[in-house]
Amino acid sequence: MSADFFEHAAADFIHSFLPHHEPGLYAITCYCNAPIAEASRGLYGHPWRDIRALADAHTASLVEQAAIDVLVDLSGPTRGNRQLAF
């Protein structure tokens, strides 16, 4: 979960591992709290969830419904974080 998937220093880190996982072992879903260009949806074949307009409780509910085992906060306390959803 991040607001920094694009045009941010953290994006280099995020994009360094997204294309290099073994899909048979686990799945990645990106919860994005930033504007998503249509061309970026499904980047590297991973599903993207646009959570910008969602309340924290609704975001938490979506994560729970998706049965996410490990949720990683890639924003920390920076702008656009969704710490209350965690």
PDB file of N, CA and C in Angstrom:
ATOM      1  N   MET A   1       0.859  -1.159   0.000  1.00  0.00           N
ATOM      2  CA  MET A   1       0.000   0.000   0.000  1.00  0.00           C
ATOM      3  C   MET A   1       0.900   1.215   0.000  1.00  0.00           C
ATOM      4  N   SER A   2       0.615   2.131  -0.945  1.00  0.00           N
ATOM      5  CA  SER A   2       1.479   3.300  -1.051  1.00  0.00           C
ATOM      6  C   SER A   2       0.814   4.411  -1.841  1.00  0.00           C
ATOM      7  N   ALA A   3       1.269   5.621  -1.597  1.00  0.00           N
ATOM      8  CA  ALA A   3       0.926   6.769  -2.430  1.00  0.00           C
ATOM      9  C   ALA A   3       2.118   7.114  -3.320  1.00  0.00           C
ATOM     10  N   ASP A   4       3.152   6.287  -3.263  1.00  0.00           N
ATOM     11  CA  ASP A   4       4.418   6.607  -3.928  1.00  0.00           C
ATOM     12  C   ASP A   4       4.835   5.576  -4.979  1.00  0.00           C
ATOM     13  N   PHE A   5       3.869   5.022  -5.701  1.00  0.00           N
ATOM     14  CA  PHE A   5       4.220   4.058  -6.741  1.00  0.00           C
ATOM     15  C   PHE A   5       4.848   4.728  -7.957  1.00  0.00           C
ATOM     16  N   PHE A   6       4.676   6.026  -8.097  1.00  0.00           N
ATOM     17  CA  PHE A   6       5.131   6.745  -9.281  1.00  0.00           C
ATOM     18  C   PHE A   6       5.861   8.015  -8.870  1.00  0.00           C
ATOM     19  N   GLU A   7       6.774   8.488  -9.684  1.00  0.00           N
ATOM     20  CA  GLU A   7       7.446   9.772  -9.523  1.00  0.00           C
ATOM     21  C   GLU A   7       7.805  10.117  -8.079  1.00  0.00           C
ATOM     22  N   HIS A   8       8.454   9.206  -7.411  1.00  0.00           N
ATOM     23  CA  HIS A   8       8.897   9.416  -6.032  1.00  0.00           C
ATOM     24  C   HIS A   8      10.137   8.558  -5.843  1.00  0.00           C
ATOM     25  N   ALA A   9      11.014   8.948  -4.943  1.00  0.00           N
ATOM     26  CA  ALA A   9      12.236   8.172  -4.709  1.00  0.00           C
ATOM     27  C   ALA A   9      11.928   6.724  -4.324  1.00  0.00           C
ATOM     28  N   ALA A  10      10.841   6.507  -3.612  1.00  0.00           N
ATOM     29  CA  ALA A  10      10.463   5.146  -3.196  1.00  0.00           C
ATOM     30  C   ALA A  10      10.041   4.289  -4.379  1.00  0.00           C
ATOM     31  N   ALA A  11       9.624   4.907  -5.469  1.00  0.00           N
ATOM     32  CA  ALA A  11       9.161   4.153  -6.632  1.00  0.00           C
ATOM     33  C   ALA A  11      10.255   3.249  -7.193  1.00  0.00           C
ATOM     34  N   ASP A  12      11.502   3.700  -7.181  1.00  0.00           N
ATOM     35  CA  ASP A  12      12.604   2.868  -7.675  1.00  0.00           C
ATOM     36  C   ASP A  12      12.708   1.580  -6.874  1.00  0.00           C
ATOM     37  N   PHE A  13      12.569   1.683  -5.565  1.00  0.00           N
ATOM     38  CA  PHE A  13      12.609   0.496  -4.709  1.00  0.00           C
ATOM     39  C   PHE A  13      11.435  -0.430  -5.007  1.00  0.00           C
ATOM     40  N   ILE A  14      10.259   0.139  -5.086  1.00  0.00           N
ATOM     41  CA  ILE A  14       9.051  -0.650  -5.321  1.00  0.00           C
ATOM     42  C   ILE A  14       9.134  -1.372  -6.660  1.00  0.00           C
ATOM     43  N   HIS A  15       9.519  -0.656  -7.696  1.00  0.00           N
ATOM     44  CA  HIS A  15       9.563  -1.238  -9.038  1.00  0.00           C
ATOM     45  C   HIS A  15      10.742  -2.191  -9.223  1.00  0.00           C
ATOM     46  N   SER A  16      11.680  -2.197  -8.289  1.00  0.00           N
ATOM     47  CA  SER A  16      12.805  -3.132  -8.407  1.00  0.00           C
ATOM     48  C   SER A  16      12.394  -4.562  -8.081  1.00  0.00           C
ATOM     49  N   PHE A  17      11.373  -4.755  -7.237  1.00  0.00           N
ATOM     50  CA  PHE A  17      11.000  -6.124  -6.886  1.00  0.00           C
ATOM     51  C   PHE A  17       9.685  -6.586  -7.517  1.00  0.00           C
ATOM     52  N   LEU A  18       8.829  -5.684  -7.949  1.00  0.00           N
ATOM     53  CA  LEU A  18       7.536  -6.103  -8.501  1.00  0.00           C
ATOM     54  C   LEU A  18       7.639  -7.104  -9.657  1.00  0.00           C
ATOM     55  N   PRO A  19       8.555  -6.925 -10.604  1.00  0.00           N
ATOM     56  CA  PRO A  19       8.584  -7.870 -11.720  1.00  0.00           C
ATOM     57  C   PRO A  19       9.340  -9.170 -11.437  1.00  0.00           C
ATOM     58  N   HIS A  20       9.925  -9.316 -10.250  1.00  0.00           N
ATOM     59  CA  HIS A  20      10.821 -10.444  -9.996  1.00  0.00           C
ATOM     60  C   HIS A  20      10.345 -11.412  -8.925  1.00  0.00           C
ATOM     61  N   HIS A  21       9.087 -11.684  -8.856  1.00  0.00           N
ATOM     62  CA  HIS A  21       8.621 -12.665  -7.877  1.00  0.00           C
ATOM     63  C   HIS A  21       8.124 -13.904  -8.615  1.00  0.00           C
ATOM     64  N   GLU A  22       7.939 -14.973  -7.893  1.00  0.00           N
ATOM     65  CA  GLU A  22       7.447 -16.215  -8.481  1.00  0.00           C
ATOM     66  C   GLU A  22       5.939 -16.290  -8.240  1.00  0.00           C
ATOM     67  N   PRO A  23       5.139 -16.053  -9.296  1.00  0.00           N
ATOM     68  CA  PRO A  23       3.694 -15.987  -9.133  1.00  0.00           C
ATOM     69  C   PRO A  23       3.078 -17.254  -8.533  1.00  0.00           C
ATOM     70  N   GLY A  24       3.684 -18.393  -8.717  1.00  0.00           N
ATOM     71  CA  GLY A  24       3.148 -19.619  -8.152  1.00  0.00           C
ATOM     72  C   GLY A  24       3.289 -19.699  -6.643  1.00  0.00           C
ATOM     73  N   LEU A  25       4.165 -18.887  -6.075  1.00  0.00           N
ATOM     74  CA  LEU A  25       4.396 -18.911  -4.638  1.00  0.00           C
ATOM     75  C   LEU A  25       3.511 -17.926  -3.874  1.00  0.00           C
ATOM     76  N   TYR A  26       3.278 -16.764  -4.454  1.00  0.00           N
ATOM     77  CA  TYR A  26       2.451 -15.764  -3.808  1.00  0.00           C
ATOM     78  C   TYR A  26       1.959 -14.760  -4.838  1.00  0.00           C
ATOM     79  N   ALA A  27       0.963 -14.012  -4.466  1.00  0.00           N
ATOM     80  CA  ALA A  27       0.397 -12.985  -5.349  1.00  0.00           C
ATOM     81  C   ALA A  27       0.629 -11.617  -4.732  1.00  0.00           C
ATOM     82  N   ILE A  28       0.758 -10.617  -5.578  1.00  0.00           N
ATOM     83  CA  ILE A  28       0.928  -9.244  -5.131  1.00  0.00           C
ATOM     84  C   ILE A  28      -0.271  -8.435  -5.607  1.00  0.00           C
ATOM     85  N   THR A  29      -0.847  -7.673  -4.704  1.00  0.00           N
ATOM     86  CA  THR A  29      -1.897  -6.712  -5.042  1.00  0.00           C
ATOM     87  C   THR A  29      -1.420  -5.359  -4.550  1.00  0.00           C
ATOM     88  N   CYS A  30      -1.473  -4.364  -5.418  1.00  0.00           N
ATOM     89  CA  CYS A  30      -1.018  -3.023  -5.061  1.00  0.00           C
ATOM     90  C   CYS A  30      -2.218  -2.152  -4.716  1.00  0.00           C
ATOM     91  N   TYR A  31      -2.222  -1.611  -3.502  1.00  0.00           N
ATOM     92  CA  TYR A  31      -3.251  -0.680  -3.063  1.00  0.00           C
ATOM     93  C   TYR A  31      -2.657   0.710  -3.196  1.00  0.00           C
ATOM     94  N   CYS A  32      -3.176   1.470  -4.141  1.00  0.00           N
ATOM     95  CA  CYS A  32      -2.566   2.743  -4.509  1.00  0.00           C
ATOM     96  C   CYS A  32      -3.398   3.927  -4.038  1.00  0.00           C
ATOM     97  N   ASN A  33      -2.766   4.816  -3.281  1.00  0.00           N
ATOM     98  CA  ASN A  33      -3.407   6.016  -2.780  1.00  0.00           C
ATOM     99  C   ASN A  33      -2.906   7.242  -3.533  1.00  0.00           C
ATOM    100  N   ALA A  34      -2.703   7.088  -4.832  1.00  0.00           N
ATOM    101  CA  ALA A  34      -2.243   8.174  -5.699  1.00  0.00           C
ATOM    102  C   ALA A  34      -2.935   8.016  -7.045  1.00  0.00           C
ATOM    103  N   PRO A  35      -2.990   9.079  -7.829  1.00  0.00           N
ATOM    104  CA  PRO A  35      -3.599   8.946  -9.157  1.00  0.00           C
ATOM    105  C   PRO A  35      -2.896   7.850  -9.968  1.00  0.00           C
ATOM    106  N   ILE A  36      -3.689   7.010 -10.602  1.00  0.00           N
ATOM    107  CA  ILE A  36      -3.140   5.910 -11.393  1.00  0.00           C
ATOM    108  C   ILE A  36      -3.468   6.158 -12.862  1.00  0.00           C
ATOM    109  N   ALA A  37      -2.439   6.315 -13.663  1.00  0.00           N
ATOM    110  CA  ALA A  37      -2.657   6.442 -15.098  1.00  0.00           C
ATOM    111  C   ALA A  37      -3.152   5.104 -15.628  1.00  0.00           C
ATOM    112  N   GLU A  38      -4.047   5.139 -16.584  1.00  0.00           N
ATOM    113  CA  GLU A  38      -4.605   3.895 -17.138  1.00  0.00           C
ATOM    114  C   GLU A  38      -3.498   2.954 -17.610  1.00  0.00           C
ATOM    115  N   ALA A  39      -2.430   3.503 -18.174  1.00  0.00           N
ATOM    116  CA  ALA A  39      -1.337   2.661 -18.675  1.00  0.00           C
ATOM    117  C   ALA A  39      -0.616   1.934 -17.547  1.00  0.00           C
ATOM    118  N   SER A  40      -0.720   2.442 -16.328  1.00  0.00           N
ATOM    119  CA  SER A  40      -0.015   1.831 -15.212  1.00  0.00           C
ATOM    120  C   SER A  40      -0.833   0.752 -14.511  1.00  0.00           C
ATOM    121  N   ARG A  41      -2.121   0.693 -14.777  1.00  0.00           N
ATOM    122  CA  ARG A  41      -2.959  -0.318 -14.120  1.00  0.00           C
ATOM    123  C   ARG A  41      -2.472  -1.698 -14.526  1.00  0.00           C
ATOM    124  N   GLY A  42      -2.325  -2.554 -13.542  1.00  0.00           N
ATOM    125  CA  GLY A  42      -1.872  -3.909 -13.844  1.00  0.00           C
ATOM    126  C   GLY A  42      -0.393  -3.974 -14.182  1.00  0.00           C
ATOM    127  N   LEU A  43       0.372  -2.985 -13.750  1.00  0.00           N
ATOM    128  CA  LEU A  43       1.804  -2.952 -14.009  1.00  0.00           C
ATOM    129  C   LEU A  43       2.456  -4.248 -13.562  1.00  0.00           C
ATOM    130  N   TYR A  44       3.246  -4.859 -14.414  1.00  0.00           N
ATOM    131  CA  TYR A  44       3.923  -6.131 -14.163  1.00  0.00           C
ATOM    132  C   TYR A  44       2.925  -7.275 -13.942  1.00  0.00           C
ATOM    133  N   GLY A  45       1.695  -7.096 -14.358  1.00  0.00           N
ATOM    134  CA  GLY A  45       0.707  -8.155 -14.236  1.00  0.00           C
ATOM    135  C   GLY A  45       0.046  -8.269 -12.881  1.00  0.00           C
ATOM    136  N   HIS A  46       0.330  -7.345 -11.975  1.00  0.00           N
ATOM    137  CA  HIS A  46      -0.267  -7.376 -10.643  1.00  0.00           C
ATOM    138  C   HIS A  46      -1.537  -6.533 -10.628  1.00  0.00           C
ATOM    139  N   PRO A  47      -2.556  -6.979  -9.923  1.00  0.00           N
ATOM    140  CA  PRO A  47      -3.759  -6.144  -9.814  1.00  0.00           C
ATOM    141  C   PRO A  47      -3.506  -4.896  -8.974  1.00  0.00           C
ATOM    142  N   TRP A  48      -4.163  -3.820  -9.343  1.00  0.00           N
ATOM    143  CA  TRP A  48      -4.060  -2.552  -8.637  1.00  0.00           C
ATOM    144  C   TRP A  48      -5.423  -2.183  -8.096  1.00  0.00           C
ATOM    145  N   ARG A  49      -5.457  -1.664  -6.903  1.00  0.00           N
ATOM    146  CA  ARG A  49      -6.686  -1.188  -6.286  1.00  0.00           C
ATOM    147  C   ARG A  49      -6.506   0.299  -5.985  1.00  0.00           C
ATOM    148  N   ASP A  50      -7.346   1.111  -6.585  1.00  0.00           N
ATOM    149  CA  ASP A  50      -7.312   2.553  -6.364  1.00  0.00           C
ATOM    150  C   ASP A  50      -8.093   2.854  -5.091  1.00  0.00           C
ATOM    151  N   ILE A  51      -7.403   3.307  -4.049  1.00  0.00           N
ATOM    152  CA  ILE A  51      -8.047   3.547  -2.756  1.00  0.00           C
ATOM    153  C   ILE A  51      -8.112   5.029  -2.402  1.00  0.00           C
ATOM    154  N   ARG A  52      -7.780   5.897  -3.344  1.00  0.00           N
ATOM    155  CA  ARG A  52      -7.733   7.341  -3.057  1.00  0.00           C
ATOM    156  C   ARG A  52      -9.030   7.872  -2.466  1.00  0.00           C
ATOM    157  N   ALA A  53     -10.155   7.492  -3.011  1.00  0.00           N
ATOM    158  CA  ALA A  53     -11.435   8.062  -2.587  1.00  0.00           C
ATOM    159  C   ALA A  53     -12.083   7.279  -1.447  1.00  0.00           C
ATOM    160  N   LEU A  54     -11.430   6.247  -0.958  1.00  0.00           N
ATOM    161  CA  LEU A  54     -12.034   5.390   0.060  1.00  0.00           C
ATOM    162  C   LEU A  54     -11.635   5.816   1.466  1.00  0.00           C
ATOM    163  N   ALA A  55     -12.567   5.701   2.380  1.00  0.00           N
ATOM    164  CA  ALA A  55     -12.264   5.938   3.794  1.00  0.00           C
ATOM    165  C   ALA A  55     -11.342   4.832   4.285  1.00  0.00           C
ATOM    166  N   ASP A  56     -10.623   5.100   5.363  1.00  0.00           N
ATOM    167  CA  ASP A  56      -9.702   4.103   5.903  1.00  0.00           C
ATOM    168  C   ASP A  56     -10.417   2.806   6.267  1.00  0.00           C
ATOM    169  N   ALA A  57     -11.596   2.910   6.864  1.00  0.00           N
ATOM    170  CA  ALA A  57     -12.349   1.710   7.246  1.00  0.00           C
ATOM    171  C   ALA A  57     -12.748   0.892   6.019  1.00  0.00           C
ATOM    172  N   HIS A  58     -13.136   1.570   4.937  1.00  0.00           N
ATOM    173  CA  HIS A  58     -13.499   0.867   3.700  1.00  0.00           C
ATOM    174  C   HIS A  58     -12.265   0.192   3.097  1.00  0.00           C
ATOM    175  N   THR A  59     -11.139   0.890   3.113  1.00  0.00           N
ATOM    176  CA  THR A  59      -9.889   0.310   2.615  1.00  0.00           C
ATOM    177  C   THR A  59      -9.528  -0.934   3.421  1.00  0.00           C
ATOM    178  N   ALA A  60      -9.614  -0.845   4.731  1.00  0.00           N
ATOM    179  CA  ALA A  60      -9.312  -1.998   5.589  1.00  0.00           C
ATOM    180  C   ALA A  60     -10.247  -3.163   5.277  1.00  0.00           C
ATOM    181  N   SER A  61     -11.498  -2.860   5.013  1.00  0.00           N
ATOM    182  CA  SER A  61     -12.475  -3.900   4.675  1.00  0.00           C
ATOM    183  C   SER A  61     -12.116  -4.590   3.357  1.00  0.00           C
ATOM    184  N   LEU A  62     -11.679  -3.808   2.367  1.00  0.00           N
ATOM    185  CA  LEU A  62     -11.270  -4.405   1.084  1.00  0.00           C
ATOM    186  C   LEU A  62     -10.091  -5.350   1.257  1.00  0.00           C
ATOM    187  N   VAL A  63      -9.133  -4.933   2.074  1.00  0.00           N
ATOM    188  CA  VAL A  63      -7.959  -5.769   2.336  1.00  0.00           C
ATOM    189  C   VAL A  63      -8.391  -7.063   3.023  1.00  0.00           C
ATOM    190  N   GLU A  64      -9.274  -6.934   3.984  1.00  0.00           N
ATOM    191  CA  GLU A  64      -9.769  -8.113   4.702  1.00  0.00           C
ATOM    192  C   GLU A  64     -10.535  -9.048   3.766  1.00  0.00           C
ATOM    193  N   GLN A  65     -11.387  -8.498   2.921  1.00  0.00           N
ATOM    194  CA  GLN A  65     -12.158  -9.307   1.974  1.00  0.00           C
ATOM    195  C   GLN A  65     -11.255 -10.029   0.984  1.00  0.00           C
ATOM    196  N   ALA A  66     -10.139  -9.407   0.642  1.00  0.00           N
ATOM    197  CA  ALA A  66      -9.196 -10.011  -0.302  1.00  0.00           C
ATOM    198  C   ALA A  66      -8.330 -11.076   0.361  1.00  0.00           C
ATOM    199  N   ALA A  67      -8.480 -11.242   1.662  1.00  0.00           N
ATOM    200  CA  ALA A  67      -7.707 -12.231   2.429  1.00  0.00           C
ATOM    201  C   ALA A  67      -6.200 -12.035   2.255  1.00  0.00           C
ATOM    202  N   ILE A  68      -5.773 -10.779   2.350  1.00  0.00           N
ATOM    203  CA  ILE A  68      -4.353 -10.448   2.244  1.00  0.00           C
ATOM    204  C   ILE A  68      -3.656 -10.963   3.507  1.00  0.00           C
ATOM    205  N   ASP A  69      -2.616 -11.771   3.326  1.00  0.00           N
ATOM    206  CA  ASP A  69      -1.880 -12.320   4.466  1.00  0.00           C
ATOM    207  C   ASP A  69      -0.857 -11.346   5.026  1.00  0.00           C
ATOM    208  N   VAL A  70      -0.172 -10.630   4.144  1.00  0.00           N
ATOM    209  CA  VAL A  70       0.862  -9.682   4.557  1.00  0.00           C
ATOM    210  C   VAL A  70       0.583  -8.365   3.846  1.00  0.00           C
ATOM    211  N   LEU A  71       0.374  -7.316   4.623  1.00  0.00           N
ATOM    212  CA  LEU A  71       0.127  -5.994   4.062  1.00  0.00           C
ATOM    213  C   LEU A  71       1.332  -5.123   4.403  1.00  0.00           C
ATOM    214  N   VAL A  72       1.963  -4.550   3.395  1.00  0.00           N
ATOM    215  CA  VAL A  72       3.184  -3.775   3.579  1.00  0.00           C
ATOM    216  C   VAL A  72       2.886  -2.300   3.364  1.00  0.00           C
ATOM    217  N   ASP A  73       3.257  -1.497   4.339  1.00  0.00           N
ATOM    218  CA  ASP A  73       3.085  -0.053   4.264  1.00  0.00           C
ATOM    219  C   ASP A  73       4.329   0.547   3.626  1.00  0.00           C
ATOM    220  N   LEU A  74       4.212   0.999   2.380  1.00  0.00           N
ATOM    221  CA  LEU A  74       5.352   1.569   1.668  1.00  0.00           C
ATOM    222  C   LEU A  74       5.399   3.095   1.765  1.00  0.00           C
ATOM    223  N   SER A  75       4.475   3.688   2.520  1.00  0.00           N
ATOM    224  CA  SER A  75       4.458   5.143   2.671  1.00  0.00           C
ATOM    225  C   SER A  75       4.990   5.603   4.018  1.00  0.00           C
ATOM    226  N   GLY A  76       4.841   4.764   5.046  1.00  0.00           N
ATOM    227  CA  GLY A  76       5.239   5.197   6.378  1.00  0.00           C
ATOM    228  C   GLY A  76       4.456   6.436   6.769  1.00  0.00           C
ATOM    229  N   PRO A  77       5.079   7.370   7.476  1.00  0.00           N
ATOM    230  CA  PRO A  77       4.352   8.562   7.907  1.00  0.00           C
ATOM    231  C   PRO A  77       4.375   9.699   6.879  1.00  0.00           C
ATOM    232  N   THR A  78       4.705   9.401   5.631  1.00  0.00           N
ATOM    233  CA  THR A  78       4.797  10.446   4.618  1.00  0.00           C
ATOM    234  C   THR A  78       3.421  10.812   4.070  1.00  0.00           C
ATOM    235  N   ARG A  79       3.387  11.840   3.247  1.00  0.00           N
ATOM    236  CA  ARG A  79       2.147  12.333   2.642  1.00  0.00           C
ATOM    237  C   ARG A  79       1.429  11.195   1.901  1.00  0.00           C
ATOM    238  N   GLY A  80       0.132  11.125   2.076  1.00  0.00           N
ATOM    239  CA  GLY A  80      -0.663  10.132   1.371  1.00  0.00           C
ATOM    240  C   GLY A  80      -0.705   8.778   2.054  1.00  0.00           C
ATOM    241  N   ASN A  81      -0.169   8.684   3.267  1.00  0.00           N
ATOM    242  CA  ASN A  81      -0.158   7.380   3.951  1.00  0.00           C
ATOM    243  C   ASN A  81      -1.577   6.964   4.334  1.00  0.00           C
ATOM    244  N   ARG A  82      -1.754   5.682   4.563  1.00  0.00           N
ATOM    245  CA  ARG A  82      -3.051   5.146   4.987  1.00  0.00           C
ATOM    246  C   ARG A  82      -2.869   4.335   6.260  1.00  0.00           C
ATOM    247  N   GLN A  83      -2.098   4.868   7.196  1.00  0.00           N
ATOM    248  CA  GLN A  83      -1.800   4.135   8.425  1.00  0.00           C
ATOM    249  C   GLN A  83      -3.040   3.762   9.216  1.00  0.00           C
ATOM    250  N   LEU A  84      -4.083   4.554   9.157  1.00  0.00           N
ATOM    251  CA  LEU A  84      -5.296   4.222   9.901  1.00  0.00           C
ATOM    252  C   LEU A  84      -6.004   3.003   9.297  1.00  0.00           C
ATOM    253  N   ALA A  85      -5.757   2.717   8.048  1.00  0.00           N
ATOM    254  CA  ALA A  85      -6.335   1.507   7.428  1.00  0.00           C
ATOM    255  C   ALA A  85      -5.653   0.250   7.948  1.00  0.00           C
ATOM    256  N   PHE A  86      -4.413   0.390   8.405  1.00  0.00           N
ATOM    257  CA  PHE A  86      -3.700  -0.758   8.929  1.00  0.00           C
ATOM    258  C   PHE A  86      -4.236  -1.137  10.299  1.00  0.00           C
TER     259      PHE A  86
END
